[in-house]
Amino acid sequence: LLRASFDSVCNRFGIKLLDVCKSTC
């Protein structure tokens, strides 16, 4: 699903959150 953001920074917690999103849909 296309997503746009003005924030281009990714931090360590962001990586963890993305992993949670991917594993739980």
PDB file of all heavy atoms in Angstrom:
ATOM      1  N   LEU A   1       0.874  -1.166   0.000  1.00  0.00           N
ATOM      2  CA  LEU A   1       0.000   0.000   0.000  1.00  0.00           C
ATOM      3  C   LEU A   1       0.916   1.221   0.000  1.00  0.00           C
ATOM      4  O   LEU A   1       1.763   1.355   0.882  1.00  0.00           O
ATOM      5  CB  LEU A   1      -0.882   0.020   1.255  1.00  0.00           C
ATOM      6  CG  LEU A   1      -1.805  -1.178   1.454  1.00  0.00           C
ATOM      7  CD1 LEU A   1      -2.415  -1.147   2.847  1.00  0.00           C
ATOM      8  CD2 LEU A   1      -2.895  -1.174   0.413  1.00  0.00           C
ATOM      9  N   LEU A   2       0.785   2.072  -0.988  1.00  0.00           N
ATOM     10  CA  LEU A   2       1.668   3.216  -1.102  1.00  0.00           C
ATOM     11  C   LEU A   2       1.587   4.090   0.133  1.00  0.00           C
ATOM     12  O   LEU A   2       0.517   4.336   0.675  1.00  0.00           O
ATOM     13  CB  LEU A   2       1.329   4.024  -2.344  1.00  0.00           C
ATOM     14  CG  LEU A   2       1.537   3.308  -3.680  1.00  0.00           C
ATOM     15  CD1 LEU A   2       1.107   4.212  -4.823  1.00  0.00           C
ATOM     16  CD2 LEU A   2       2.987   2.866  -3.847  1.00  0.00           C
ATOM     17  N   ARG A   3       2.759   4.550   0.583  1.00  0.00           N
ATOM     18  CA  ARG A   3       2.844   5.401   1.763  1.00  0.00           C
ATOM     19  C   ARG A   3       3.844   6.505   1.477  1.00  0.00           C
ATOM     20  O   ARG A   3       4.905   6.257   0.906  1.00  0.00           O
ATOM     21  CB  ARG A   3       3.298   4.574   2.973  1.00  0.00           C
ATOM     22  CG  ARG A   3       3.276   5.307   4.279  1.00  0.00           C
ATOM     23  CD  ARG A   3       3.566   4.366   5.441  1.00  0.00           C
ATOM     24  NE  ARG A   3       4.930   3.870   5.441  1.00  0.00           N
ATOM     25  CZ  ARG A   3       5.964   4.540   5.953  1.00  0.00           C
ATOM     26  NH1 ARG A   3       5.795   5.725   6.477  1.00  0.00           N
ATOM     27  NH2 ARG A   3       7.166   4.026   5.908  1.00  0.00           N
ATOM     28  N   ALA A   4       3.509   7.713   1.862  1.00  0.00           N
ATOM     29  CA  ALA A   4       4.410   8.848   1.697  1.00  0.00           C
ATOM     30  C   ALA A   4       4.712   9.424   3.072  1.00  0.00           C
ATOM     31  O   ALA A   4       3.884   9.354   3.976  1.00  0.00           O
ATOM     32  CB  ALA A   4       3.766   9.918   0.826  1.00  0.00           C
ATOM     33  N   SER A   5       5.887   9.970   3.239  1.00  0.00           N
ATOM     34  CA  SER A   5       6.245  10.580   4.515  1.00  0.00           C
ATOM     35  C   SER A   5       7.244  11.697   4.274  1.00  0.00           C
ATOM     36  O   SER A   5       8.117  11.583   3.411  1.00  0.00           O
ATOM     37  CB  SER A   5       6.853   9.527   5.449  1.00  0.00           C
ATOM     38  OG  SER A   5       7.264  10.126   6.650  1.00  0.00           O
ATOM     39  N   PHE A   6       7.121  12.738   5.051  1.00  0.00           N
ATOM     40  CA  PHE A   6       8.092  13.820   4.983  1.00  0.00           C
ATOM     41  C   PHE A   6       9.339  13.477   5.792  1.00  0.00           C
ATOM     42  O   PHE A   6      10.359  14.115   5.669  1.00  0.00           O
ATOM     43  CB  PHE A   6       7.481  15.123   5.503  1.00  0.00           C
ATOM     44  CG  PHE A   6       6.412  15.660   4.608  1.00  0.00           C
ATOM     45  CD1 PHE A   6       5.083  15.597   4.973  1.00  0.00           C
ATOM     46  CD2 PHE A   6       6.735  16.228   3.386  1.00  0.00           C
ATOM     47  CE1 PHE A   6       4.089  16.084   4.140  1.00  0.00           C
ATOM     48  CE2 PHE A   6       5.748  16.723   2.545  1.00  0.00           C
ATOM     49  CZ  PHE A   6       4.425  16.646   2.927  1.00  0.00           C
ATOM     50  N   ASP A   7       9.241  12.460   6.634  1.00  0.00           N
ATOM     51  CA  ASP A   7      10.354  12.037   7.478  1.00  0.00           C
ATOM     52  C   ASP A   7      11.100  10.912   6.767  1.00  0.00           C
ATOM     53  O   ASP A   7      10.577   9.829   6.571  1.00  0.00           O
ATOM     54  CB  ASP A   7       9.807  11.548   8.824  1.00  0.00           C
ATOM     55  CG  ASP A   7      10.907  11.189   9.795  1.00  0.00           C
ATOM     56  OD1 ASP A   7      12.088  11.421   9.493  1.00  0.00           O
ATOM     57  OD2 ASP A   7      10.577  10.671  10.882  1.00  0.00           O
ATOM     58  N   SER A   8      12.339  11.152   6.389  1.00  0.00           N
ATOM     59  CA  SER A   8      13.106  10.138   5.660  1.00  0.00           C
ATOM     60  C   SER A   8      14.066   9.376   6.570  1.00  0.00           C
ATOM     61  O   SER A   8      14.789   8.494   6.114  1.00  0.00           O
ATOM     62  CB  SER A   8      13.875  10.786   4.513  1.00  0.00           C
ATOM     63  OG  SER A   8      14.776  11.743   5.030  1.00  0.00           O
ATOM     64  N   VAL A   9      14.068   9.676   7.861  1.00  0.00           N
ATOM     65  CA  VAL A   9      14.993   9.043   8.800  1.00  0.00           C
ATOM     66  C   VAL A   9      14.394   7.743   9.334  1.00  0.00           C
ATOM     67  O   VAL A   9      13.202   7.654   9.599  1.00  0.00           O
ATOM     68  CB  VAL A   9      15.294   9.997   9.982  1.00  0.00           C
ATOM     69  CG1 VAL A   9      16.165   9.317  11.022  1.00  0.00           C
ATOM     70  CG2 VAL A   9      15.948  11.271   9.475  1.00  0.00           C
ATOM     71  N   CYS A  10      15.246   6.747   9.470  1.00  0.00           N
ATOM     72  CA  CYS A  10      14.842   5.486  10.087  1.00  0.00           C
ATOM     73  C   CYS A  10      15.802   5.213  11.242  1.00  0.00           C
ATOM     74  O   CYS A  10      17.015   5.291  11.073  1.00  0.00           O
ATOM     75  CB  CYS A  10      14.886   4.351   9.056  1.00  0.00           C
ATOM     76  SG  CYS A  10      14.235   2.795   9.673  1.00  0.00           S
ATOM     77  N   ASN A  11      15.252   4.919  12.438  1.00  0.00           N
ATOM     78  CA  ASN A  11      16.116   4.613  13.576  1.00  0.00           C
ATOM     79  C   ASN A  11      16.003   3.132  13.950  1.00  0.00           C
ATOM     80  O   ASN A  11      15.257   2.371  13.327  1.00  0.00           O
ATOM     81  CB  ASN A  11      15.812   5.533  14.770  1.00  0.00           C
ATOM     82  CG  ASN A  11      14.423   5.358  15.345  1.00  0.00           C
ATOM     83  OD1 ASN A  11      13.701   4.414  15.024  1.00  0.00           O
ATOM     84  ND2 ASN A  11      14.034   6.273  16.212  1.00  0.00           N
ATOM     85  N   ARG A  12      16.733   2.729  14.989  1.00  0.00           N
ATOM     86  CA  ARG A  12      16.764   1.323  15.403  1.00  0.00           C
ATOM     87  C   ARG A  12      15.381   0.838  15.812  1.00  0.00           C
ATOM     88  O   ARG A  12      14.974  -0.275  15.480  1.00  0.00           O
ATOM     89  CB  ARG A  12      17.763   1.151  16.552  1.00  0.00           C
ATOM     90  CG  ARG A  12      18.062  -0.291  16.896  1.00  0.00           C
ATOM     91  CD  ARG A  12      19.207  -0.388  17.883  1.00  0.00           C
ATOM     92  NE  ARG A  12      18.816  -0.147  19.245  1.00  0.00           N
ATOM     93  CZ  ARG A  12      18.281  -1.073  20.049  1.00  0.00           C
ATOM     94  NH1 ARG A  12      18.069  -2.279  19.600  1.00  0.00           N
ATOM     95  NH2 ARG A  12      17.971  -0.766  21.290  1.00  0.00           N
ATOM     96  N   PHE A  13      14.640   1.667  16.534  1.00  0.00           N
ATOM     97  CA  PHE A  13      13.273   1.291  16.918  1.00  0.00           C
ATOM     98  C   PHE A  13      12.380   1.191  15.686  1.00  0.00           C
ATOM     99  O   PHE A  13      11.452   0.396  15.639  1.00  0.00           O
ATOM    100  CB  PHE A  13      12.690   2.300  17.906  1.00  0.00           C
ATOM    101  CG  PHE A  13      13.078   2.050  19.336  1.00  0.00           C
ATOM    102  CD1 PHE A  13      14.126   1.217  19.679  1.00  0.00           C
ATOM    103  CD2 PHE A  13      12.382   2.664  20.351  1.00  0.00           C
ATOM    104  CE1 PHE A  13      14.466   0.993  21.007  1.00  0.00           C
ATOM    105  CE2 PHE A  13      12.698   2.447  21.676  1.00  0.00           C
ATOM    106  CZ  PHE A  13      13.753   1.614  22.003  1.00  0.00           C
ATOM    107  N   GLY A  14      12.641   2.023  14.677  1.00  0.00           N
ATOM    108  CA  GLY A  14      11.881   1.943  13.429  1.00  0.00           C
ATOM    109  C   GLY A  14      12.055   0.591  12.753  1.00  0.00           C
ATOM    110  O   GLY A  14      11.090   0.002  12.263  1.00  0.00           O
ATOM    111  N   ILE A  15      13.285   0.097  12.739  1.00  0.00           N
ATOM    112  CA  ILE A  15      13.559  -1.228  12.159  1.00  0.00           C
ATOM    113  C   ILE A  15      12.775  -2.297  12.923  1.00  0.00           C
ATOM    114  O   ILE A  15      12.164  -3.187  12.323  1.00  0.00           O
ATOM    115  CB  ILE A  15      15.074  -1.544  12.190  1.00  0.00           C
ATOM    116  CG1 ILE A  15      15.854  -0.534  11.375  1.00  0.00           C
ATOM    117  CG2 ILE A  15      15.346  -2.976  11.743  1.00  0.00           C
ATOM    118  CD1 ILE A  15      15.592  -0.556   9.895  1.00  0.00           C
ATOM    119  N   LYS A  16      12.771  -2.199  14.256  1.00  0.00           N
ATOM    120  CA  LYS A  16      12.037  -3.175  15.072  1.00  0.00           C
ATOM    121  C   LYS A  16      10.536  -3.097  14.792  1.00  0.00           C
ATOM    122  O   LYS A  16       9.869  -4.120  14.691  1.00  0.00           O
ATOM    123  CB  LYS A  16      12.309  -2.944  16.555  1.00  0.00           C
ATOM    124  CG  LYS A  16      13.697  -3.321  16.975  1.00  0.00           C
ATOM    125  CD  LYS A  16      13.891  -3.042  18.455  1.00  0.00           C
ATOM    126  CE  LYS A  16      14.870  -4.041  18.998  1.00  0.00           C
ATOM    127  NZ  LYS A  16      14.541  -4.578  20.273  1.00  0.00           N
ATOM    128  N   LEU A  17      10.017  -1.876  14.662  1.00  0.00           N
ATOM    129  CA  LEU A  17       8.599  -1.714  14.369  1.00  0.00           C
ATOM    130  C   LEU A  17       8.257  -2.304  13.005  1.00  0.00           C
ATOM    131  O   LEU A  17       7.238  -2.986  12.851  1.00  0.00           O
ATOM    132  CB  LEU A  17       8.194  -0.243  14.428  1.00  0.00           C
ATOM    133  CG  LEU A  17       6.747   0.046  14.059  1.00  0.00           C
ATOM    134  CD1 LEU A  17       5.780  -0.658  15.005  1.00  0.00           C
ATOM    135  CD2 LEU A  17       6.494   1.541  14.047  1.00  0.00           C
ATOM    136  N   LEU A  18       9.086  -2.066  12.019  1.00  0.00           N
ATOM    137  CA  LEU A  18       8.842  -2.619  10.688  1.00  0.00           C
ATOM    138  C   LEU A  18       8.851  -4.144  10.726  1.00  0.00           C
ATOM    139  O   LEU A  18       8.051  -4.793  10.045  1.00  0.00           O
ATOM    140  CB  LEU A  18       9.872  -2.094   9.693  1.00  0.00           C
ATOM    141  CG  LEU A  18       9.757  -0.593   9.376  1.00  0.00           C
ATOM    142  CD1 LEU A  18      10.959  -0.121   8.578  1.00  0.00           C
ATOM    143  CD2 LEU A  18       8.469  -0.283   8.663  1.00  0.00           C
ATOM    144  N   ASP A  19       9.726  -4.730  11.526  1.00  0.00           N
ATOM    145  CA  ASP A  19       9.740  -6.184  11.680  1.00  0.00           C
ATOM    146  C   ASP A  19       8.429  -6.685  12.286  1.00  0.00           C
ATOM    147  O   ASP A  19       7.883  -7.698  11.854  1.00  0.00           O
ATOM    148  CB  ASP A  19      10.924  -6.631  12.543  1.00  0.00           C
ATOM    149  CG  ASP A  19      12.257  -6.521  11.829  1.00  0.00           C
ATOM    150  OD1 ASP A  19      12.264  -6.390  10.579  1.00  0.00           O
ATOM    151  OD2 ASP A  19      13.300  -6.553  12.521  1.00  0.00           O
ATOM    152  N   VAL A  20       7.918  -5.965  13.287  1.00  0.00           N
ATOM    153  CA  VAL A  20       6.627  -6.337  13.891  1.00  0.00           C
ATOM    154  C   VAL A  20       5.522  -6.238  12.843  1.00  0.00           C
ATOM    155  O   VAL A  20       4.692  -7.137  12.715  1.00  0.00           O
ATOM    156  CB  VAL A  20       6.292  -5.445  15.113  1.00  0.00           C
ATOM    157  CG1 VAL A  20       4.862  -5.668  15.584  1.00  0.00           C
ATOM    158  CG2 VAL A  20       7.279  -5.698  16.247  1.00  0.00           C
ATOM    159  N   CYS A  21       5.519  -5.171  12.069  1.00  0.00           N
ATOM    160  CA  CYS A  21       4.504  -5.005  11.024  1.00  0.00           C
ATOM    161  C   CYS A  21       4.538  -6.153  10.024  1.00  0.00           C
ATOM    162  O   CYS A  21       3.502  -6.707   9.658  1.00  0.00           O
ATOM    163  CB  CYS A  21       4.695  -3.675  10.294  1.00  0.00           C
ATOM    164  SG  CYS A  21       4.264  -2.226  11.256  1.00  0.00           S
ATOM    165  N   LYS A  22       5.731  -6.507   9.588  1.00  0.00           N
ATOM    166  CA  LYS A  22       5.866  -7.568   8.589  1.00  0.00           C
ATOM    167  C   LYS A  22       5.437  -8.924   9.135  1.00  0.00           C
ATOM    168  O   LYS A  22       4.847  -9.725   8.419  1.00  0.00           O
ATOM    169  CB  LYS A  22       7.302  -7.629   8.081  1.00  0.00           C
ATOM    170  CG  LYS A  22       7.671  -6.433   7.226  1.00  0.00           C
ATOM    171  CD  LYS A  22       9.138  -6.419   6.879  1.00  0.00           C
ATOM    172  CE  LYS A  22       9.490  -5.143   6.124  1.00  0.00           C
ATOM    173  NZ  LYS A  22      10.929  -5.022   5.898  1.00  0.00           N
ATOM    174  N   SER A  23       5.712  -9.177  10.394  1.00  0.00           N
ATOM    175  CA  SER A  23       5.402 -10.498  10.947  1.00  0.00           C
ATOM    176  C   SER A  23       3.945 -10.632  11.388  1.00  0.00           C
ATOM    177  O   SER A  23       3.467 -11.750  11.575  1.00  0.00           O
ATOM    178  CB  SER A  23       6.329 -10.824  12.116  1.00  0.00           C
ATOM    179  OG  SER A  23       6.048  -9.996  13.218  1.00  0.00           O
ATOM    180  N   THR A  24       3.240  -9.528  11.534  1.00  0.00           N
ATOM    181  CA  THR A  24       1.855  -9.584  12.012  1.00  0.00           C
ATOM    182  C   THR A  24       0.837  -9.054  11.012  1.00  0.00           C
ATOM    183  O   THR A  24      -0.350  -9.015  11.305  1.00  0.00           O
ATOM    184  CB  THR A  24       1.700  -8.769  13.316  1.00  0.00           C
ATOM    185  OG1 THR A  24       2.046  -7.411  13.053  1.00  0.00           O
ATOM    186  CG2 THR A  24       2.561  -9.336  14.441  1.00  0.00           C
ATOM    187  N   CYS A  25       1.295  -8.626   9.832  1.00  0.00           N
ATOM    188  CA  CYS A  25       0.426  -8.033   8.803  1.00  0.00           C
ATOM    189  C   CYS A  25      -0.228  -6.739   9.270  1.00  0.00           C
ATOM    190  O   CYS A  25      -1.324  -6.390   8.825  1.00  0.00           O
ATOM    191  CB  CYS A  25      -0.630  -9.027   8.323  1.00  0.00           C
ATOM    192  SG  CYS A  25       0.048 -10.390   7.392  1.00  0.00           S
TER     193      CYS A  25
END
